[in-house]
Amino acid sequence: MTQLIMMFIHFTDGSKIVFRYPNITEASTLATKVKKALEQDKIVVQTNDSLMIIPVMSVKYIQVTPKPDALPEGIIRDAEIID
């Protein structure tokens, strides 16, 4: 069974959208996609019936769970959220 990934996009206006998609199993492909996404001015997501283009300037933060096994260099690892 393929593991599903959840991506929560929180917007600056307080709203959010949640996507679910199959896990990308090839670590090098995933690291490349994460790095490229961080460098873009938009997030593009294809769903079953549409293509969503989300301007990064309207995004407050993105949460992906479970965390990817492979990440590009320059990312802080093993951090804890403390309220």
C-alpha atoms as a PDB file:
ATOM      1  CA  MET A   1       0.000   0.000   0.000  1.00  0.00           C
ATOM      2  CA  THR A   2       1.349   3.430  -0.969  1.00  0.00           C
ATOM      3  CA  GLN A   3       1.815   5.871   1.885  1.00  0.00           C
ATOM      4  CA  LEU A   4      -0.132   9.108   1.453  1.00  0.00           C
ATOM      5  CA  ILE A   5       1.403  12.491   2.200  1.00  0.00           C
ATOM      6  CA  MET A   6      -0.632  15.388   3.560  1.00  0.00           C
ATOM      7  CA  MET A   7       0.273  18.976   2.647  1.00  0.00           C
ATOM      8  CA  PHE A   8      -1.373  21.795   4.590  1.00  0.00           C
ATOM      9  CA  ILE A   9      -1.036  25.250   3.022  1.00  0.00           C
ATOM     10  CA  HIS A  10      -1.844  28.034   5.486  1.00  0.00           C
ATOM     11  CA  PHE A  11      -2.599  31.397   3.892  1.00  0.00           C
ATOM     12  CA  THR A  12      -1.901  34.886   5.190  1.00  0.00           C
ATOM     13  CA  ASP A  13      -5.675  35.555   5.423  1.00  0.00           C
ATOM     14  CA  GLY A  14      -6.083  32.706   7.956  1.00  0.00           C
ATOM     15  CA  SER A  15      -7.604  30.159   5.554  1.00  0.00           C
ATOM     16  CA  LYS A  16      -5.980  26.860   4.600  1.00  0.00           C
ATOM     17  CA  ILE A  17      -6.205  24.085   2.041  1.00  0.00           C
ATOM     18  CA  VAL A  18      -5.140  20.467   2.492  1.00  0.00           C
ATOM     19  CA  PHE A  19      -3.859  18.177  -0.263  1.00  0.00           C
ATOM     20  CA  ARG A  20      -3.290  14.424  -0.077  1.00  0.00           C
ATOM     21  CA  TYR A  21      -0.985  12.714  -2.553  1.00  0.00           C
ATOM     22  CA  PRO A  22       1.034   9.498  -2.915  1.00  0.00           C
ATOM     23  CA  ASN A  23       4.525   9.405  -1.436  1.00  0.00           C
ATOM     24  CA  ILE A  24       7.411   9.977  -3.828  1.00  0.00           C
ATOM     25  CA  THR A  25       9.654   7.027  -3.096  1.00  0.00           C
ATOM     26  CA  GLU A  26      12.844   8.092  -4.893  1.00  0.00           C
ATOM     27  CA  ALA A  27      14.796  10.225  -2.384  1.00  0.00           C
ATOM     28  CA  SER A  28      16.756  12.209  -4.988  1.00  0.00           C
ATOM     29  CA  THR A  29      13.549  13.139  -6.830  1.00  0.00           C
ATOM     30  CA  LEU A  30      11.874  14.288  -3.614  1.00  0.00           C
ATOM     31  CA  ALA A  31      14.863  16.404  -2.530  1.00  0.00           C
ATOM     32  CA  THR A  32      14.975  18.035  -5.969  1.00  0.00           C
ATOM     33  CA  LYS A  33      11.230  18.808  -5.855  1.00  0.00           C
ATOM     34  CA  VAL A  34      11.499  20.354  -2.373  1.00  0.00           C
ATOM     35  CA  LYS A  35      14.463  22.514  -3.415  1.00  0.00           C
ATOM     36  CA  LYS A  36      12.707  23.659  -6.596  1.00  0.00           C
ATOM     37  CA  ALA A  37       9.487  24.452  -4.692  1.00  0.00           C
ATOM     38  CA  LEU A  38      11.416  26.644  -2.247  1.00  0.00           C
ATOM     39  CA  GLU A  39      12.870  28.657  -5.153  1.00  0.00           C
ATOM     40  CA  GLN A  40       9.584  29.308  -7.000  1.00  0.00           C
ATOM     41  CA  ASP A  41       7.172  32.233  -6.696  1.00  0.00           C
ATOM     42  CA  LYS A  42       4.164  29.911  -6.984  1.00  0.00           C
ATOM     43  CA  ILE A  43       3.036  26.451  -5.930  1.00  0.00           C
ATOM     44  CA  VAL A  44       1.372  24.412  -8.662  1.00  0.00           C
ATOM     45  CA  VAL A  45      -0.765  21.415  -7.676  1.00  0.00           C
ATOM     46  CA  GLN A  46      -2.611  19.156 -10.112  1.00  0.00           C
ATOM     47  CA  THR A  47      -5.706  17.448  -8.714  1.00  0.00           C
ATOM     48  CA  ASN A  48      -8.035  14.948 -10.378  1.00  0.00           C
ATOM     49  CA  ASP A  49     -10.031  17.647 -12.129  1.00  0.00           C
ATOM     50  CA  SER A  50      -8.052  20.884 -11.974  1.00  0.00           C
ATOM     51  CA  LEU A  51      -4.736  22.672 -11.830  1.00  0.00           C
ATOM     52  CA  MET A  52      -4.220  25.026  -8.890  1.00  0.00           C
ATOM     53  CA  ILE A  53      -1.642  27.808  -9.059  1.00  0.00           C
ATOM     54  CA  ILE A  54      -1.010  29.382  -5.663  1.00  0.00           C
ATOM     55  CA  PRO A  55       1.139  32.529  -5.385  1.00  0.00           C
ATOM     56  CA  VAL A  56       3.764  32.049  -2.667  1.00  0.00           C
ATOM     57  CA  MET A  57       3.246  35.648  -1.497  1.00  0.00           C
ATOM     58  CA  SER A  58      -0.199  34.609  -0.183  1.00  0.00           C
ATOM     59  CA  VAL A  59       1.204  31.662   1.789  1.00  0.00           C
ATOM     60  CA  LYS A  60       2.027  32.022   5.472  1.00  0.00           C
ATOM     61  CA  TYR A  61       3.545  28.534   5.805  1.00  0.00           C
ATOM     62  CA  ILE A  62       3.320  24.969   4.489  1.00  0.00           C
ATOM     63  CA  GLN A  63       3.288  21.817   6.574  1.00  0.00           C
ATOM     64  CA  VAL A  64       4.014  18.407   5.029  1.00  0.00           C
ATOM     65  CA  THR A  65       3.403  15.258   7.043  1.00  0.00           C
ATOM     66  CA  PRO A  66       4.897  12.776   7.477  1.00  0.00           C
ATOM     67  CA  LYS A  67       8.248  14.483   6.996  1.00  0.00           C
ATOM     68  CA  PRO A  68      10.234  13.453   3.917  1.00  0.00           C
ATOM     69  CA  ASP A  69      13.205  11.138   4.473  1.00  0.00           C
ATOM     70  CA  ALA A  70      15.428  13.056   2.043  1.00  0.00           C
ATOM     71  CA  LEU A  71      15.769  16.829   2.085  1.00  0.00           C
ATOM     72  CA  PRO A  72      18.111  19.256   0.308  1.00  0.00           C
ATOM     73  CA  GLU A  73      20.984  20.906   2.145  1.00  0.00           C
ATOM     74  CA  GLY A  74      20.337  24.017   4.208  1.00  0.00           C
ATOM     75  CA  ILE A  75      17.252  22.760   6.049  1.00  0.00           C
ATOM     76  CA  ILE A  76      17.195  22.766   9.866  1.00  0.00           C
ATOM     77  CA  ARG A  77      16.570  19.207  10.988  1.00  0.00           C
ATOM     78  CA  ASP A  78      15.135  17.577  14.138  1.00  0.00           C
ATOM     79  CA  ALA A  79      13.583  20.820  15.445  1.00  0.00           C
ATOM     80  CA  GLU A  80      10.728  20.845  17.976  1.00  0.00           C
ATOM     81  CA  ILE A  81       7.775  23.217  18.042  1.00  0.00           C
ATOM     82  CA  ILE A  82       7.501  24.878  21.452  1.00  0.00           C
ATOM     83  CA  ASP A  83       4.462  26.998  22.311  1.00  0.00           C
END
